[in-house]
Amino acid sequence: MIATMRASCFAVALLAAVASPASGQTMEFGCPSPGTTFTYDSGISVAARGQDGMGCKMENTGGKPFVVSALLISNPSSDGTSTSALIAALRPERLWPLKVGNKIEASYSAGGRSWNYILSVASYEKRMGPGDTLFDTFVVEMNEQGPDGQRSITRWWVSPVEKFVIRYDWSDGTGKANRAIVTAIKR
């Protein structure tokens, strides 16, 4: 009876260890291999061009270069505006190496207004990616709170294998939302 109970307890402990791969998972910073191209559900493609410190040098189809700071924030942003001041205020590189539970807080001020940010590595999960392949990902969340009660949440699903974000979601308190999903990866 006791041997059976021990075996059952061992089986439950083993199952729990296998079912929760997030415990102890970390990801060191790195950029995608140069030449790797990521295509999004919008049809836009970006190609990796190399690494510069905590920034990944990328290029849009058509040749416009940009840098993704800490694999999270593009500069210039997708609308062409500079995000240098935001990146300097947030210092997203402080989340690295990624590990569930890592968290940073920061404030950013511009034009007489201030916003508060909390960035955290919320979870480690499998996410469907290109070709219906399951990717291990770290889910990084950024909660933003503005001076007049504005709120938004941004989520990035960072693949340790691809060293890139395979999904991005953003929404705010007014019902606006945006997302980008990688549908193809070409080496």
N, C-alpha and C. Protein backbone atom coordinates (compact mmCIF):
# COMPACT_ATOMS: atom_id res chain seq x y z
N MET A 1 0.82 -1.20 0.00
CA MET A 1 0.00 0.00 0.00
C MET A 1 0.87 1.26 0.00
N ILE A 2 1.87 1.28 0.90
CA ILE A 2 2.74 2.44 0.97
C ILE A 2 3.55 2.57 -0.31
N ALA A 3 4.01 1.45 -0.85
CA ALA A 3 4.76 1.48 -2.11
C ALA A 3 3.90 2.03 -3.23
N THR A 4 2.62 1.64 -3.27
CA THR A 4 1.70 2.14 -4.28
C THR A 4 1.49 3.63 -4.12
N MET A 5 1.36 4.11 -2.88
CA MET A 5 1.17 5.53 -2.62
C MET A 5 2.41 6.32 -3.04
N ARG A 6 3.60 5.77 -2.73
CA ARG A 6 4.84 6.44 -3.12
C ARG A 6 4.93 6.53 -4.64
N ALA A 7 4.61 5.43 -5.30
CA ALA A 7 4.64 5.43 -6.77
C ALA A 7 3.65 6.44 -7.32
N SER A 8 2.46 6.51 -6.72
CA SER A 8 1.44 7.47 -7.18
C SER A 8 1.91 8.90 -6.96
N CYS A 9 2.50 9.17 -5.79
CA CYS A 9 3.00 10.52 -5.50
C CYS A 9 4.13 10.88 -6.46
N PHE A 10 5.02 9.92 -6.74
CA PHE A 10 6.11 10.17 -7.69
C PHE A 10 5.55 10.47 -9.07
N ALA A 11 4.54 9.69 -9.49
CA ALA A 11 3.94 9.89 -10.81
C ALA A 11 3.30 11.28 -10.90
N VAL A 12 2.60 11.71 -9.84
CA VAL A 12 1.97 13.03 -9.83
C VAL A 12 3.04 14.12 -9.89
N ALA A 13 4.12 13.96 -9.11
CA ALA A 13 5.20 14.94 -9.11
C ALA A 13 5.88 15.01 -10.47
N LEU A 14 6.10 13.84 -11.10
CA LEU A 14 6.72 13.80 -12.42
C LEU A 14 5.81 14.47 -13.45
N LEU A 15 4.53 14.18 -13.40
CA LEU A 15 3.57 14.78 -14.32
C LEU A 15 3.55 16.30 -14.15
N ALA A 16 3.58 16.78 -12.91
CA ALA A 16 3.58 18.22 -12.66
C ALA A 16 4.84 18.86 -13.22
N ALA A 17 5.97 18.19 -13.07
CA ALA A 17 7.22 18.74 -13.59
C ALA A 17 7.20 18.81 -15.11
N VAL A 18 6.66 17.78 -15.76
CA VAL A 18 6.59 17.76 -17.22
C VAL A 18 5.55 18.75 -17.73
N ALA A 19 4.44 18.91 -17.03
CA ALA A 19 3.34 19.76 -17.47
C ALA A 19 3.62 21.24 -17.31
N SER A 20 4.64 21.60 -16.51
CA SER A 20 4.91 23.02 -16.29
C SER A 20 6.34 23.35 -16.66
N PRO A 21 6.63 23.40 -17.97
CA PRO A 21 8.00 23.65 -18.41
C PRO A 21 8.48 25.06 -18.11
N ALA A 22 7.59 25.96 -17.68
CA ALA A 22 7.98 27.35 -17.46
C ALA A 22 8.94 27.49 -16.28
N SER A 23 8.83 26.62 -15.30
CA SER A 23 9.69 26.77 -14.14
C SER A 23 11.14 26.56 -14.55
N GLY A 24 11.93 27.57 -14.34
CA GLY A 24 13.34 27.49 -14.66
C GLY A 24 13.71 27.85 -16.08
N GLN A 25 12.75 28.09 -16.96
CA GLN A 25 13.04 28.45 -18.34
C GLN A 25 13.56 29.89 -18.40
N THR A 26 14.63 30.09 -19.13
CA THR A 26 15.14 31.43 -19.36
C THR A 26 15.55 31.55 -20.82
N MET A 27 15.62 32.79 -21.27
CA MET A 27 16.07 33.06 -22.63
C MET A 27 17.07 34.19 -22.58
N GLU A 28 18.28 33.92 -23.05
CA GLU A 28 19.29 34.96 -23.18
C GLU A 28 18.95 35.80 -24.40
N PHE A 29 19.38 37.05 -24.40
CA PHE A 29 19.09 37.92 -25.52
C PHE A 29 19.88 37.49 -26.75
N GLY A 30 19.26 37.59 -27.88
CA GLY A 30 19.89 37.33 -29.16
C GLY A 30 18.94 37.75 -30.26
N CYS A 31 19.48 38.00 -31.42
CA CYS A 31 18.67 38.42 -32.57
C CYS A 31 18.57 37.27 -33.57
N PRO A 32 17.58 37.31 -34.44
CA PRO A 32 17.48 36.28 -35.48
C PRO A 32 18.72 36.28 -36.36
N SER A 33 19.01 35.14 -36.94
CA SER A 33 20.16 35.04 -37.85
C SER A 33 19.98 35.99 -39.02
N PRO A 34 21.05 36.72 -39.39
CA PRO A 34 20.94 37.62 -40.54
C PRO A 34 20.42 36.89 -41.78
N GLY A 35 19.52 37.54 -42.48
CA GLY A 35 18.91 36.96 -43.67
C GLY A 35 17.57 36.29 -43.40
N THR A 36 17.27 35.98 -42.13
CA THR A 36 15.98 35.38 -41.81
C THR A 36 14.88 36.40 -42.08
N THR A 37 13.85 35.97 -42.81
CA THR A 37 12.74 36.86 -43.16
C THR A 37 11.47 36.37 -42.48
N PHE A 38 10.77 37.30 -41.86
CA PHE A 38 9.50 37.03 -41.18
C PHE A 38 8.39 37.73 -41.95
N THR A 39 7.36 36.99 -42.33
CA THR A 39 6.22 37.57 -43.03
C THR A 39 5.02 37.54 -42.09
N TYR A 40 4.32 38.66 -42.04
CA TYR A 40 3.16 38.81 -41.15
C TYR A 40 1.86 38.58 -41.90
N ASP A 41 0.79 38.40 -41.14
CA ASP A 41 -0.54 38.19 -41.72
C ASP A 41 -0.99 39.39 -42.55
N SER A 42 -0.38 40.53 -42.39
CA SER A 42 -0.70 41.72 -43.18
C SER A 42 -0.02 41.68 -44.55
N GLY A 43 0.91 40.73 -44.73
CA GLY A 43 1.67 40.65 -45.97
C GLY A 43 3.02 41.34 -45.90
N ILE A 44 3.25 42.13 -44.87
CA ILE A 44 4.53 42.81 -44.69
C ILE A 44 5.59 41.80 -44.29
N SER A 45 6.79 41.96 -44.85
CA SER A 45 7.92 41.10 -44.49
C SER A 45 9.05 41.95 -43.95
N VAL A 46 9.78 41.40 -42.97
CA VAL A 46 10.96 42.06 -42.42
C VAL A 46 12.09 41.05 -42.41
N ALA A 47 13.30 41.53 -42.65
CA ALA A 47 14.48 40.66 -42.69
C ALA A 47 15.47 41.07 -41.62
N ALA A 48 16.04 40.08 -40.96
CA ALA A 48 17.06 40.33 -39.94
C ALA A 48 18.37 40.71 -40.62
N ARG A 49 19.05 41.72 -40.07
CA ARG A 49 20.31 42.19 -40.65
C ARG A 49 21.48 42.11 -39.69
N GLY A 50 21.22 41.79 -38.42
CA GLY A 50 22.31 41.68 -37.46
C GLY A 50 21.92 42.21 -36.10
N GLN A 51 22.91 42.29 -35.22
CA GLN A 51 22.69 42.72 -33.85
C GLN A 51 23.61 43.87 -33.52
N ASP A 52 23.10 44.81 -32.72
CA ASP A 52 23.89 45.93 -32.21
C ASP A 52 23.55 46.08 -30.74
N GLY A 53 24.35 45.49 -29.86
CA GLY A 53 24.06 45.52 -28.44
C GLY A 53 22.74 44.81 -28.15
N MET A 54 21.82 45.51 -27.52
CA MET A 54 20.50 44.95 -27.20
C MET A 54 19.47 45.31 -28.26
N GLY A 55 19.93 45.59 -29.46
CA GLY A 55 19.03 45.91 -30.56
C GLY A 55 19.24 44.96 -31.72
N CYS A 56 18.14 44.59 -32.35
CA CYS A 56 18.19 43.74 -33.54
C CYS A 56 17.97 44.63 -34.75
N LYS A 57 18.94 44.63 -35.65
CA LYS A 57 18.83 45.43 -36.87
C LYS A 57 17.95 44.67 -37.85
N MET A 58 16.91 45.33 -38.33
CA MET A 58 15.94 44.72 -39.24
C MET A 58 15.74 45.64 -40.43
N GLU A 59 15.09 45.11 -41.46
CA GLU A 59 14.80 45.89 -42.66
C GLU A 59 13.44 45.47 -43.20
N ASN A 60 12.58 46.46 -43.47
CA ASN A 60 11.28 46.20 -44.10
C ASN A 60 11.48 45.82 -45.55
N THR A 61 10.51 45.08 -46.09
CA THR A 61 10.51 44.85 -47.53
C THR A 61 10.51 46.22 -48.19
N GLY A 62 11.40 46.44 -49.10
CA GLY A 62 11.53 47.76 -49.71
C GLY A 62 12.74 48.50 -49.18
N GLY A 63 13.38 47.97 -48.14
CA GLY A 63 14.65 48.51 -47.72
C GLY A 63 14.69 49.49 -46.58
N LYS A 64 13.58 49.76 -45.89
CA LYS A 64 13.63 50.72 -44.78
C LYS A 64 14.17 50.02 -43.52
N PRO A 65 15.33 50.47 -43.02
CA PRO A 65 15.90 49.84 -41.83
C PRO A 65 15.25 50.35 -40.54
N PHE A 66 15.28 49.50 -39.52
CA PHE A 66 14.83 49.88 -38.18
C PHE A 66 15.53 48.96 -37.19
N VAL A 67 15.43 49.30 -35.91
CA VAL A 67 16.04 48.51 -34.85
C VAL A 67 14.93 48.12 -33.88
N VAL A 68 14.94 46.87 -33.45
CA VAL A 68 14.00 46.42 -32.43
C VAL A 68 14.78 46.32 -31.12
N SER A 69 14.49 47.24 -30.21
CA SER A 69 15.19 47.29 -28.93
C SER A 69 14.69 46.19 -28.01
N ALA A 70 15.61 45.36 -27.52
CA ALA A 70 15.32 44.27 -26.59
C ALA A 70 14.25 43.33 -27.16
N LEU A 71 14.16 43.22 -28.48
CA LEU A 71 13.17 42.41 -29.20
C LEU A 71 11.73 42.86 -28.97
N LEU A 72 11.53 44.08 -28.44
CA LEU A 72 10.18 44.51 -28.09
C LEU A 72 9.72 45.79 -28.79
N ILE A 73 10.54 46.83 -28.82
CA ILE A 73 10.07 48.14 -29.29
C ILE A 73 10.88 48.57 -30.50
N SER A 74 10.17 48.80 -31.61
CA SER A 74 10.82 49.20 -32.87
C SER A 74 11.10 50.69 -32.90
N ASN A 75 12.24 51.04 -33.48
CA ASN A 75 12.59 52.43 -33.69
C ASN A 75 13.22 52.57 -35.07
N PRO A 76 12.60 53.34 -35.96
CA PRO A 76 11.35 54.04 -35.73
C PRO A 76 10.18 53.07 -35.62
N SER A 77 9.07 53.58 -35.06
CA SER A 77 7.87 52.75 -34.93
C SER A 77 7.27 52.50 -36.31
N SER A 78 6.25 51.67 -36.35
CA SER A 78 5.65 51.32 -37.65
C SER A 78 5.07 52.52 -38.38
N ASP A 79 4.74 53.59 -37.64
CA ASP A 79 4.22 54.78 -38.32
C ASP A 79 5.34 55.78 -38.67
N GLY A 80 6.59 55.38 -38.41
CA GLY A 80 7.73 56.21 -38.78
C GLY A 80 8.23 57.17 -37.72
N THR A 81 7.54 57.25 -36.58
CA THR A 81 7.97 58.17 -35.53
C THR A 81 9.08 57.56 -34.69
N SER A 82 9.90 58.43 -34.12
CA SER A 82 11.02 58.00 -33.29
C SER A 82 10.51 57.57 -31.91
N THR A 83 10.97 56.42 -31.47
CA THR A 83 10.62 55.94 -30.13
C THR A 83 11.85 55.96 -29.21
N SER A 84 12.88 56.69 -29.60
CA SER A 84 14.13 56.73 -28.82
C SER A 84 13.90 57.17 -27.37
N ALA A 85 13.11 58.23 -27.16
CA ALA A 85 12.87 58.72 -25.80
C ALA A 85 12.10 57.69 -24.97
N LEU A 86 11.13 57.03 -25.57
CA LEU A 86 10.37 55.99 -24.86
C LEU A 86 11.29 54.83 -24.48
N ILE A 87 12.11 54.39 -25.43
CA ILE A 87 13.03 53.29 -25.16
C ILE A 87 14.00 53.66 -24.04
N ALA A 88 14.51 54.89 -24.07
CA ALA A 88 15.44 55.35 -23.03
C ALA A 88 14.76 55.39 -21.66
N ALA A 89 13.49 55.76 -21.63
CA ALA A 89 12.77 55.82 -20.35
C ALA A 89 12.43 54.42 -19.83
N LEU A 90 11.97 53.54 -20.70
CA LEU A 90 11.55 52.21 -20.27
C LEU A 90 12.74 51.28 -20.00
N ARG A 91 13.78 51.40 -20.81
CA ARG A 91 14.94 50.52 -20.74
C ARG A 91 14.50 49.04 -20.70
N PRO A 92 13.83 48.60 -21.78
CA PRO A 92 13.28 47.23 -21.80
C PRO A 92 14.34 46.14 -21.70
N GLU A 93 15.60 46.49 -21.96
CA GLU A 93 16.66 45.48 -21.84
C GLU A 93 16.80 44.94 -20.42
N ARG A 94 16.22 45.64 -19.44
CA ARG A 94 16.29 45.18 -18.05
C ARG A 94 15.48 43.90 -17.81
N LEU A 95 14.60 43.53 -18.73
CA LEU A 95 13.84 42.27 -18.59
C LEU A 95 14.70 41.04 -18.87
N TRP A 96 15.84 41.24 -19.52
CA TRP A 96 16.67 40.12 -19.97
C TRP A 96 17.66 39.68 -18.91
N PRO A 97 17.98 38.37 -18.87
CA PRO A 97 17.39 37.30 -19.67
C PRO A 97 15.93 37.11 -19.27
N LEU A 98 15.11 36.73 -20.27
CA LEU A 98 13.69 36.53 -20.00
C LEU A 98 13.50 35.34 -19.07
N LYS A 99 12.66 35.53 -18.08
CA LYS A 99 12.28 34.47 -17.15
C LYS A 99 10.93 34.86 -16.57
N VAL A 100 10.02 33.91 -16.51
CA VAL A 100 8.69 34.20 -15.97
C VAL A 100 8.85 34.83 -14.59
N GLY A 101 8.18 35.96 -14.39
CA GLY A 101 8.24 36.68 -13.12
C GLY A 101 9.10 37.93 -13.19
N ASN A 102 10.00 38.03 -14.18
CA ASN A 102 10.79 39.26 -14.32
C ASN A 102 9.83 40.43 -14.54
N LYS A 103 10.13 41.56 -13.90
CA LYS A 103 9.23 42.71 -13.99
C LYS A 103 10.04 43.99 -13.84
N ILE A 104 9.67 45.00 -14.62
CA ILE A 104 10.26 46.32 -14.48
C ILE A 104 9.14 47.36 -14.50
N GLU A 105 9.39 48.48 -13.85
CA GLU A 105 8.45 49.59 -13.86
C GLU A 105 9.19 50.83 -14.32
N ALA A 106 8.48 51.69 -15.03
CA ALA A 106 9.10 52.91 -15.54
C ALA A 106 8.04 53.96 -15.79
N SER A 107 8.49 55.18 -15.91
CA SER A 107 7.63 56.31 -16.27
C SER A 107 8.22 56.99 -17.48
N TYR A 108 7.33 57.61 -18.26
CA TYR A 108 7.74 58.32 -19.46
C TYR A 108 6.93 59.61 -19.52
N SER A 109 7.60 60.73 -19.76
CA SER A 109 6.92 62.02 -19.84
C SER A 109 7.24 62.69 -21.17
N ALA A 110 6.22 63.30 -21.74
CA ALA A 110 6.38 64.06 -22.99
C ALA A 110 5.24 65.07 -23.09
N GLY A 111 5.55 66.26 -23.51
CA GLY A 111 4.51 67.27 -23.71
C GLY A 111 3.74 67.59 -22.45
N GLY A 112 4.38 67.53 -21.29
CA GLY A 112 3.72 67.86 -20.04
C GLY A 112 2.81 66.76 -19.50
N ARG A 113 2.87 65.58 -20.09
CA ARG A 113 2.05 64.45 -19.63
C ARG A 113 2.96 63.28 -19.29
N SER A 114 2.53 62.46 -18.34
CA SER A 114 3.33 61.31 -17.91
C SER A 114 2.52 60.03 -17.99
N TRP A 115 3.20 58.95 -18.30
CA TRP A 115 2.61 57.62 -18.36
C TRP A 115 3.43 56.68 -17.49
N ASN A 116 2.77 55.73 -16.89
CA ASN A 116 3.43 54.71 -16.08
C ASN A 116 3.34 53.37 -16.78
N TYR A 117 4.42 52.62 -16.72
CA TYR A 117 4.52 51.34 -17.41
C TYR A 117 4.95 50.24 -16.45
N ILE A 118 4.37 49.08 -16.63
CA ILE A 118 4.85 47.86 -15.99
C ILE A 118 5.04 46.85 -17.09
N LEU A 119 6.27 46.38 -17.24
CA LEU A 119 6.59 45.33 -18.20
C LEU A 119 6.92 44.09 -17.40
N SER A 120 6.35 42.97 -17.79
CA SER A 120 6.61 41.73 -17.07
C SER A 120 6.65 40.54 -18.03
N VAL A 121 7.40 39.54 -17.63
CA VAL A 121 7.38 38.27 -18.35
C VAL A 121 6.29 37.47 -17.66
N ALA A 122 5.11 37.44 -18.29
CA ALA A 122 3.90 36.92 -17.66
C ALA A 122 3.82 35.40 -17.65
N SER A 123 4.28 34.76 -18.73
CA SER A 123 4.15 33.29 -18.78
C SER A 123 5.06 32.72 -19.86
N TYR A 124 5.11 31.42 -19.85
CA TYR A 124 5.84 30.65 -20.87
C TYR A 124 4.82 29.70 -21.43
N GLU A 125 4.54 29.79 -22.73
CA GLU A 125 3.48 28.95 -23.28
C GLU A 125 3.78 28.54 -24.70
N LYS A 126 3.05 27.55 -25.15
CA LYS A 126 3.11 27.12 -26.55
C LYS A 126 2.13 28.00 -27.32
N ARG A 127 2.55 28.43 -28.52
CA ARG A 127 1.70 29.28 -29.36
C ARG A 127 1.82 28.77 -30.79
N MET A 128 0.67 28.69 -31.44
CA MET A 128 0.65 28.27 -32.84
C MET A 128 1.34 29.32 -33.69
N GLY A 129 2.21 28.86 -34.58
CA GLY A 129 2.95 29.77 -35.45
C GLY A 129 2.85 29.34 -36.89
N PRO A 130 3.77 29.80 -37.72
CA PRO A 130 3.74 29.47 -39.14
C PRO A 130 3.68 27.96 -39.38
N GLY A 131 2.89 27.57 -40.38
CA GLY A 131 2.77 26.16 -40.72
C GLY A 131 2.11 25.33 -39.64
N ASP A 132 1.29 25.97 -38.80
CA ASP A 132 0.62 25.29 -37.70
C ASP A 132 1.60 24.58 -36.77
N THR A 133 2.81 25.13 -36.66
CA THR A 133 3.82 24.59 -35.76
C THR A 133 3.63 25.21 -34.39
N LEU A 134 3.77 24.41 -33.34
CA LEU A 134 3.72 24.94 -31.98
C LEU A 134 5.10 25.48 -31.62
N PHE A 135 5.13 26.72 -31.16
CA PHE A 135 6.36 27.37 -30.74
C PHE A 135 6.33 27.57 -29.23
N ASP A 136 7.44 27.30 -28.56
CA ASP A 136 7.59 27.72 -27.17
C ASP A 136 7.78 29.22 -27.20
N THR A 137 7.12 29.94 -26.31
CA THR A 137 7.24 31.40 -26.28
C THR A 137 7.21 31.92 -24.85
N PHE A 138 7.88 33.04 -24.66
CA PHE A 138 7.73 33.83 -23.45
C PHE A 138 6.72 34.91 -23.77
N VAL A 139 5.73 35.10 -22.91
CA VAL A 139 4.74 36.15 -23.10
C VAL A 139 5.17 37.35 -22.26
N VAL A 140 5.49 38.44 -22.95
CA VAL A 140 5.88 39.67 -22.28
C VAL A 140 4.68 40.62 -22.37
N GLU A 141 4.28 41.16 -21.22
CA GLU A 141 3.15 42.10 -21.18
C GLU A 141 3.63 43.47 -20.75
N MET A 142 3.06 44.49 -21.39
CA MET A 142 3.32 45.87 -20.99
C MET A 142 1.99 46.54 -20.69
N ASN A 143 1.81 46.94 -19.44
CA ASN A 143 0.62 47.68 -19.04
C ASN A 143 1.00 49.16 -18.97
N GLU A 144 0.20 49.98 -19.66
CA GLU A 144 0.46 51.41 -19.72
C GLU A 144 -0.73 52.14 -19.10
N GLN A 145 -0.44 53.11 -18.25
CA GLN A 145 -1.50 53.91 -17.65
C GLN A 145 -1.17 55.38 -17.86
N GLY A 146 -2.13 56.10 -18.48
CA GLY A 146 -1.93 57.51 -18.79
C GLY A 146 -2.50 58.43 -17.73
N PRO A 147 -2.28 59.74 -17.89
CA PRO A 147 -2.67 60.73 -16.88
C PRO A 147 -4.18 60.91 -16.72
N ASP A 148 -4.96 60.61 -17.74
CA ASP A 148 -6.41 60.81 -17.66
C ASP A 148 -7.16 59.48 -17.61
N GLY A 149 -6.53 58.49 -17.02
CA GLY A 149 -7.16 57.18 -16.90
C GLY A 149 -7.01 56.30 -18.13
N GLN A 150 -6.23 56.76 -19.11
CA GLN A 150 -6.01 55.92 -20.29
C GLN A 150 -5.25 54.67 -19.87
N ARG A 151 -5.62 53.57 -20.53
CA ARG A 151 -4.95 52.30 -20.26
C ARG A 151 -4.77 51.55 -21.57
N SER A 152 -3.68 50.82 -21.64
CA SER A 152 -3.49 49.90 -22.76
C SER A 152 -2.66 48.72 -22.28
N ILE A 153 -2.78 47.64 -23.03
CA ILE A 153 -1.95 46.47 -22.75
C ILE A 153 -1.37 45.98 -24.08
N THR A 154 -0.10 45.67 -24.03
CA THR A 154 0.60 45.14 -25.19
C THR A 154 1.17 43.78 -24.78
N ARG A 155 1.07 42.81 -25.68
CA ARG A 155 1.65 41.48 -25.43
C ARG A 155 2.52 41.09 -26.62
N TRP A 156 3.69 40.54 -26.31
CA TRP A 156 4.60 39.99 -27.30
C TRP A 156 4.82 38.52 -26.97
N TRP A 157 4.76 37.65 -27.96
CA TRP A 157 5.09 36.24 -27.78
C TRP A 157 6.47 36.04 -28.41
N VAL A 158 7.50 35.93 -27.57
CA VAL A 158 8.89 35.86 -28.02
C VAL A 158 9.32 34.39 -28.10
N SER A 159 9.76 33.97 -29.28
CA SER A 159 10.22 32.60 -29.49
C SER A 159 11.72 32.50 -29.22
N PRO A 160 12.11 31.65 -28.24
CA PRO A 160 13.55 31.45 -28.00
C PRO A 160 14.26 30.83 -29.20
N VAL A 161 13.58 30.00 -29.97
CA VAL A 161 14.20 29.35 -31.13
C VAL A 161 14.43 30.37 -32.25
N GLU A 162 13.42 31.16 -32.56
CA GLU A 162 13.52 32.13 -33.65
C GLU A 162 14.20 33.43 -33.22
N LYS A 163 14.27 33.65 -31.90
CA LYS A 163 14.83 34.89 -31.35
C LYS A 163 14.09 36.09 -31.94
N PHE A 164 12.77 35.96 -31.97
CA PHE A 164 11.93 37.01 -32.53
C PHE A 164 10.51 36.86 -31.99
N VAL A 165 9.74 37.92 -32.13
CA VAL A 165 8.34 37.92 -31.72
C VAL A 165 7.51 37.27 -32.82
N ILE A 166 6.77 36.21 -32.48
CA ILE A 166 5.94 35.56 -33.50
C ILE A 166 4.49 36.04 -33.45
N ARG A 167 4.13 36.79 -32.41
CA ARG A 167 2.80 37.38 -32.32
C ARG A 167 2.88 38.63 -31.45
N TYR A 168 2.06 39.61 -31.82
CA TYR A 168 2.00 40.88 -31.09
C TYR A 168 0.53 41.28 -31.01
N ASP A 169 0.07 41.66 -29.82
CA ASP A 169 -1.30 42.16 -29.63
C ASP A 169 -1.25 43.44 -28.81
N TRP A 170 -2.10 44.39 -29.16
CA TRP A 170 -2.23 45.63 -28.41
C TRP A 170 -3.70 46.00 -28.34
N SER A 171 -4.15 46.49 -27.19
CA SER A 171 -5.51 47.02 -27.07
C SER A 171 -5.51 48.10 -26.00
N ASP A 172 -6.50 49.01 -26.12
CA ASP A 172 -6.62 50.05 -25.11
C ASP A 172 -8.04 50.09 -24.55
N GLY A 173 -8.24 50.97 -23.59
CA GLY A 173 -9.52 51.07 -22.90
C GLY A 173 -10.65 51.63 -23.75
N THR A 174 -10.37 52.15 -24.94
CA THR A 174 -11.42 52.71 -25.79
C THR A 174 -11.93 51.70 -26.82
N GLY A 175 -11.35 50.50 -26.81
CA GLY A 175 -11.78 49.47 -27.76
C GLY A 175 -10.90 49.36 -28.99
N LYS A 176 -9.88 50.21 -29.10
CA LYS A 176 -8.95 50.09 -30.22
C LYS A 176 -8.06 48.87 -30.00
N ALA A 177 -7.67 48.22 -31.08
CA ALA A 177 -6.81 47.05 -30.97
C ALA A 177 -6.01 46.87 -32.25
N ASN A 178 -4.90 46.17 -32.12
CA ASN A 178 -4.04 45.86 -33.25
C ASN A 178 -3.32 44.56 -32.94
N ARG A 179 -2.98 43.83 -33.99
CA ARG A 179 -2.21 42.60 -33.80
C ARG A 179 -1.38 42.34 -35.03
N ALA A 180 -0.35 41.56 -34.86
CA ALA A 180 0.49 41.12 -35.97
C ALA A 180 0.91 39.68 -35.67
N ILE A 181 0.73 38.82 -36.62
CA ILE A 181 1.06 37.40 -36.46
C ILE A 181 2.00 36.99 -37.58
N VAL A 182 3.12 36.35 -37.22
CA VAL A 182 4.06 35.87 -38.20
C VAL A 182 3.44 34.63 -38.85
N THR A 183 3.32 34.65 -40.18
CA THR A 183 2.72 33.53 -40.91
C THR A 183 3.74 32.69 -41.68
N ALA A 184 4.96 33.24 -41.86
CA ALA A 184 6.00 32.50 -42.56
C ALA A 184 7.38 32.96 -42.09
N ILE A 185 8.29 32.01 -42.02
CA ILE A 185 9.69 32.29 -41.68
C ILE A 185 10.55 31.64 -42.75
N LYS A 186 11.41 32.45 -43.36
CA LYS A 186 12.28 31.96 -44.44
C LYS A 186 13.73 32.24 -44.06
N ARG A 187 14.55 31.24 -44.20
CA ARG A 187 15.98 31.40 -43.88
C ARG A 187 16.79 31.49 -45.15
